[in-house]
């Protein structure tokens, strides 16, 4: 059986068998997102954002730079009634 190696965020090579569940989940999510973007592109490309959305995005980016945690994805999906 071959050993599959991937590069983690720290730039170190790691075999899939040595990845944590979170690292593997992040790898799969990133690969799926990349493939979807490759297949369908950005459907919102060229569209303008409302001022209220721009303001909220700027606030989120500012808060993240200050180290303020955002809302975890599990909480967002729960609030929206989605399954994670």
N, C-alpha and C. Protein backbone atom coordinates (compact mmCIF):
# COMPACT_ATOMS: atom_id res chain seq x y z
N UNK A 1 0.84 -1.16 0.00
CA UNK A 1 0.00 0.00 0.00
C UNK A 1 0.89 1.24 0.00
N UNK A 2 0.56 2.25 -0.82
CA UNK A 2 1.40 3.43 -0.90
C UNK A 2 1.09 4.39 0.25
N UNK A 3 2.06 5.22 0.56
CA UNK A 3 1.90 6.21 1.63
C UNK A 3 1.63 7.56 0.98
N UNK A 4 0.48 8.16 1.28
CA UNK A 4 0.13 9.45 0.72
C UNK A 4 0.60 10.55 1.65
N UNK A 5 1.34 11.50 1.10
CA UNK A 5 1.86 12.59 1.91
C UNK A 5 1.18 13.89 1.51
N UNK A 6 0.93 14.72 2.48
CA UNK A 6 0.33 16.02 2.25
C UNK A 6 1.13 17.06 3.01
N UNK A 7 1.01 18.30 2.58
CA UNK A 7 1.68 19.39 3.26
C UNK A 7 0.67 20.04 4.20
N UNK A 8 1.03 20.15 5.46
CA UNK A 8 0.15 20.79 6.43
C UNK A 8 0.40 22.28 6.44
N UNK A 9 -0.41 23.03 7.20
CA UNK A 9 -0.30 24.48 7.25
C UNK A 9 1.11 24.93 7.64
N UNK A 10 1.75 24.20 8.49
CA UNK A 10 3.10 24.57 8.91
C UNK A 10 4.14 24.31 7.84
N UNK A 11 3.73 23.77 6.71
CA UNK A 11 4.65 23.50 5.61
C UNK A 11 5.37 22.18 5.74
N UNK A 12 5.06 21.40 6.76
CA UNK A 12 5.72 20.12 6.96
C UNK A 12 4.96 19.03 6.23
N UNK A 13 5.71 18.06 5.71
CA UNK A 13 5.08 16.92 5.05
C UNK A 13 4.59 15.95 6.13
N UNK A 14 3.42 15.39 5.87
CA UNK A 14 2.83 14.47 6.84
C UNK A 14 2.02 13.44 6.06
N UNK A 15 2.07 12.19 6.50
CA UNK A 15 1.25 11.18 5.85
C UNK A 15 -0.17 11.33 6.36
N UNK A 16 -1.12 10.92 5.55
CA UNK A 16 -2.53 11.01 5.95
C UNK A 16 -2.76 10.21 7.22
N UNK A 17 -2.10 9.09 7.35
CA UNK A 17 -2.29 8.25 8.54
C UNK A 17 -1.82 8.93 9.83
N UNK A 18 -1.01 9.96 9.71
CA UNK A 18 -0.51 10.68 10.89
C UNK A 18 -1.24 12.00 11.14
N UNK A 19 -2.25 12.28 10.32
CA UNK A 19 -3.00 13.53 10.48
C UNK A 19 -4.04 13.38 11.58
N UNK A 20 -4.33 14.50 12.23
CA UNK A 20 -5.42 14.50 13.20
C UNK A 20 -6.73 14.54 12.41
N UNK A 21 -7.82 14.27 13.09
CA UNK A 21 -9.13 14.34 12.44
C UNK A 21 -9.37 15.75 11.91
N UNK A 22 -9.02 16.75 12.70
CA UNK A 22 -9.22 18.14 12.26
C UNK A 22 -8.38 18.47 11.03
N UNK A 23 -7.14 18.00 10.99
CA UNK A 23 -6.28 18.24 9.82
C UNK A 23 -6.86 17.58 8.59
N UNK A 24 -7.34 16.34 8.74
CA UNK A 24 -7.92 15.63 7.61
C UNK A 24 -9.20 16.32 7.14
N UNK A 25 -10.03 16.74 8.08
CA UNK A 25 -11.27 17.44 7.74
C UNK A 25 -10.95 18.73 6.96
N UNK A 26 -9.95 19.48 7.44
CA UNK A 26 -9.55 20.71 6.77
C UNK A 26 -9.03 20.42 5.35
N UNK A 27 -8.27 19.36 5.21
CA UNK A 27 -7.74 18.98 3.90
C UNK A 27 -8.87 18.64 2.94
N UNK A 28 -9.83 17.83 3.39
CA UNK A 28 -10.96 17.43 2.55
C UNK A 28 -11.81 18.65 2.19
N UNK A 29 -12.12 19.49 3.18
CA UNK A 29 -12.92 20.69 2.92
C UNK A 29 -12.24 21.58 1.88
N UNK A 30 -10.95 21.76 2.02
CA UNK A 30 -10.19 22.60 1.09
C UNK A 30 -10.20 22.00 -0.31
N UNK A 31 -10.01 20.69 -0.40
CA UNK A 31 -10.01 20.03 -1.71
C UNK A 31 -11.37 20.13 -2.39
N UNK A 32 -12.44 19.95 -1.62
CA UNK A 32 -13.80 20.05 -2.18
C UNK A 32 -14.06 21.48 -2.64
N UNK A 33 -13.70 22.44 -1.80
CA UNK A 33 -13.91 23.85 -2.16
C UNK A 33 -13.13 24.21 -3.42
N UNK A 34 -11.87 23.77 -3.51
CA UNK A 34 -11.06 24.03 -4.71
C UNK A 34 -11.70 23.42 -5.95
N UNK A 35 -12.17 22.19 -5.84
CA UNK A 35 -12.77 21.51 -6.99
C UNK A 35 -14.06 22.20 -7.42
N UNK A 36 -14.91 22.57 -6.46
CA UNK A 36 -16.15 23.26 -6.81
C UNK A 36 -15.85 24.59 -7.48
N UNK A 37 -14.87 25.32 -6.95
CA UNK A 37 -14.51 26.60 -7.56
C UNK A 37 -14.00 26.39 -8.98
N UNK A 38 -13.22 25.35 -9.16
CA UNK A 38 -12.70 25.02 -10.49
C UNK A 38 -13.83 24.68 -11.46
N UNK A 39 -14.84 23.95 -10.97
CA UNK A 39 -15.93 23.49 -11.84
C UNK A 39 -16.95 24.58 -12.15
N UNK A 40 -17.31 25.37 -11.16
CA UNK A 40 -18.38 26.34 -11.39
C UNK A 40 -17.94 27.79 -11.25
N UNK A 41 -16.74 28.01 -10.78
CA UNK A 41 -16.27 29.38 -10.61
C UNK A 41 -17.01 30.07 -9.48
N UNK A 42 -16.95 31.38 -9.48
CA UNK A 42 -17.61 32.17 -8.45
C UNK A 42 -18.88 32.76 -9.05
N UNK A 43 -20.04 32.24 -8.66
CA UNK A 43 -21.29 32.72 -9.26
C UNK A 43 -21.59 34.17 -8.91
N UNK A 44 -20.94 34.71 -7.88
CA UNK A 44 -21.17 36.10 -7.48
C UNK A 44 -20.13 37.06 -8.06
N UNK A 45 -19.22 36.55 -8.88
CA UNK A 45 -18.17 37.40 -9.44
C UNK A 45 -18.79 38.57 -10.22
N UNK A 46 -18.32 39.76 -9.92
CA UNK A 46 -18.80 40.94 -10.62
C UNK A 46 -20.01 41.61 -10.00
N UNK A 47 -20.64 40.96 -9.03
CA UNK A 47 -21.80 41.56 -8.37
C UNK A 47 -21.34 42.48 -7.24
N UNK A 48 -22.10 43.51 -6.97
CA UNK A 48 -21.79 44.44 -5.89
C UNK A 48 -22.40 43.95 -4.58
N UNK A 49 -21.69 44.23 -3.49
CA UNK A 49 -22.21 43.92 -2.16
C UNK A 49 -22.96 45.14 -1.62
N UNK A 50 -24.01 44.87 -0.89
CA UNK A 50 -24.72 45.97 -0.22
C UNK A 50 -23.79 46.58 0.82
N UNK A 51 -24.00 47.85 1.12
CA UNK A 51 -23.18 48.54 2.11
C UNK A 51 -23.23 47.85 3.46
N UNK A 52 -24.40 47.35 3.86
CA UNK A 52 -24.53 46.69 5.15
C UNK A 52 -23.66 45.43 5.22
N UNK A 53 -23.55 44.72 4.10
CA UNK A 53 -22.72 43.51 4.06
C UNK A 53 -21.24 43.89 4.11
N UNK A 54 -20.86 44.92 3.37
CA UNK A 54 -19.47 45.39 3.40
C UNK A 54 -19.07 45.80 4.80
N UNK A 55 -19.95 46.51 5.49
CA UNK A 55 -19.68 46.97 6.84
C UNK A 55 -19.49 45.78 7.79
N UNK A 56 -20.37 44.78 7.66
CA UNK A 56 -20.28 43.60 8.51
C UNK A 56 -18.99 42.82 8.23
N UNK A 57 -18.59 42.70 6.96
CA UNK A 57 -17.35 42.01 6.62
C UNK A 57 -16.13 42.74 7.18
N UNK A 58 -16.14 44.06 7.06
CA UNK A 58 -15.02 44.85 7.60
C UNK A 58 -14.91 44.65 9.11
N UNK A 59 -16.06 44.64 9.80
CA UNK A 59 -16.07 44.46 11.25
C UNK A 59 -15.53 43.07 11.61
N UNK A 60 -15.95 42.07 10.85
CA UNK A 60 -15.49 40.70 11.11
C UNK A 60 -13.98 40.59 10.93
N UNK A 61 -13.46 41.17 9.85
CA UNK A 61 -12.02 41.14 9.58
C UNK A 61 -11.26 41.87 10.68
N UNK A 62 -11.76 43.03 11.10
CA UNK A 62 -11.12 43.80 12.18
C UNK A 62 -11.10 42.99 13.47
N UNK A 63 -12.23 42.37 13.79
CA UNK A 63 -12.31 41.57 15.02
C UNK A 63 -11.36 40.38 14.98
N UNK A 64 -11.25 39.74 13.82
CA UNK A 64 -10.34 38.59 13.70
C UNK A 64 -8.89 39.02 13.90
N UNK A 65 -8.53 40.20 13.35
CA UNK A 65 -7.16 40.71 13.52
C UNK A 65 -6.86 41.00 14.98
N UNK A 66 -7.88 41.37 15.75
CA UNK A 66 -7.72 41.64 17.18
C UNK A 66 -7.74 40.36 18.00
N UNK A 67 -7.99 39.23 17.34
CA UNK A 67 -8.02 37.95 18.04
C UNK A 67 -9.37 37.59 18.63
N UNK A 68 -10.37 38.38 18.31
CA UNK A 68 -11.72 38.09 18.82
C UNK A 68 -12.28 36.89 18.06
N UNK A 69 -12.71 35.86 18.78
CA UNK A 69 -13.21 34.66 18.08
C UNK A 69 -14.55 34.91 17.39
N UNK A 70 -14.72 34.26 16.26
CA UNK A 70 -15.98 34.33 15.54
C UNK A 70 -16.95 33.28 16.06
N UNK A 71 -18.03 33.11 15.35
CA UNK A 71 -19.02 32.10 15.74
C UNK A 71 -18.59 30.78 15.11
N UNK A 72 -18.44 29.73 15.90
CA UNK A 72 -18.05 28.43 15.35
C UNK A 72 -19.06 27.93 14.31
N UNK A 73 -18.56 27.25 13.29
CA UNK A 73 -19.41 26.75 12.21
C UNK A 73 -20.55 25.88 12.74
N UNK A 74 -20.27 25.08 13.75
CA UNK A 74 -21.33 24.22 14.30
C UNK A 74 -22.47 25.05 14.87
N UNK A 75 -22.13 26.17 15.51
CA UNK A 75 -23.16 27.04 16.08
C UNK A 75 -23.97 27.70 14.97
N UNK A 76 -23.30 28.13 13.91
CA UNK A 76 -24.00 28.76 12.77
C UNK A 76 -24.98 27.78 12.15
N UNK A 77 -24.53 26.56 11.91
CA UNK A 77 -25.41 25.56 11.30
C UNK A 77 -26.58 25.23 12.22
N UNK A 78 -26.32 25.20 13.54
CA UNK A 78 -27.40 24.95 14.49
C UNK A 78 -28.43 26.06 14.44
N UNK A 79 -27.96 27.31 14.42
CA UNK A 79 -28.88 28.46 14.35
C UNK A 79 -29.72 28.45 13.09
N UNK A 80 -29.12 27.96 12.00
CA UNK A 80 -29.83 27.92 10.72
C UNK A 80 -30.65 26.65 10.54
N UNK A 81 -30.59 25.76 11.51
CA UNK A 81 -31.34 24.51 11.42
C UNK A 81 -30.75 23.52 10.43
N UNK A 82 -29.44 23.62 10.22
CA UNK A 82 -28.74 22.71 9.29
C UNK A 82 -28.02 21.63 10.07
N UNK A 83 -27.72 20.54 9.40
CA UNK A 83 -26.95 19.46 10.01
C UNK A 83 -25.50 19.62 9.61
N UNK A 84 -24.58 19.46 10.57
CA UNK A 84 -23.14 19.64 10.30
C UNK A 84 -22.50 18.31 10.10
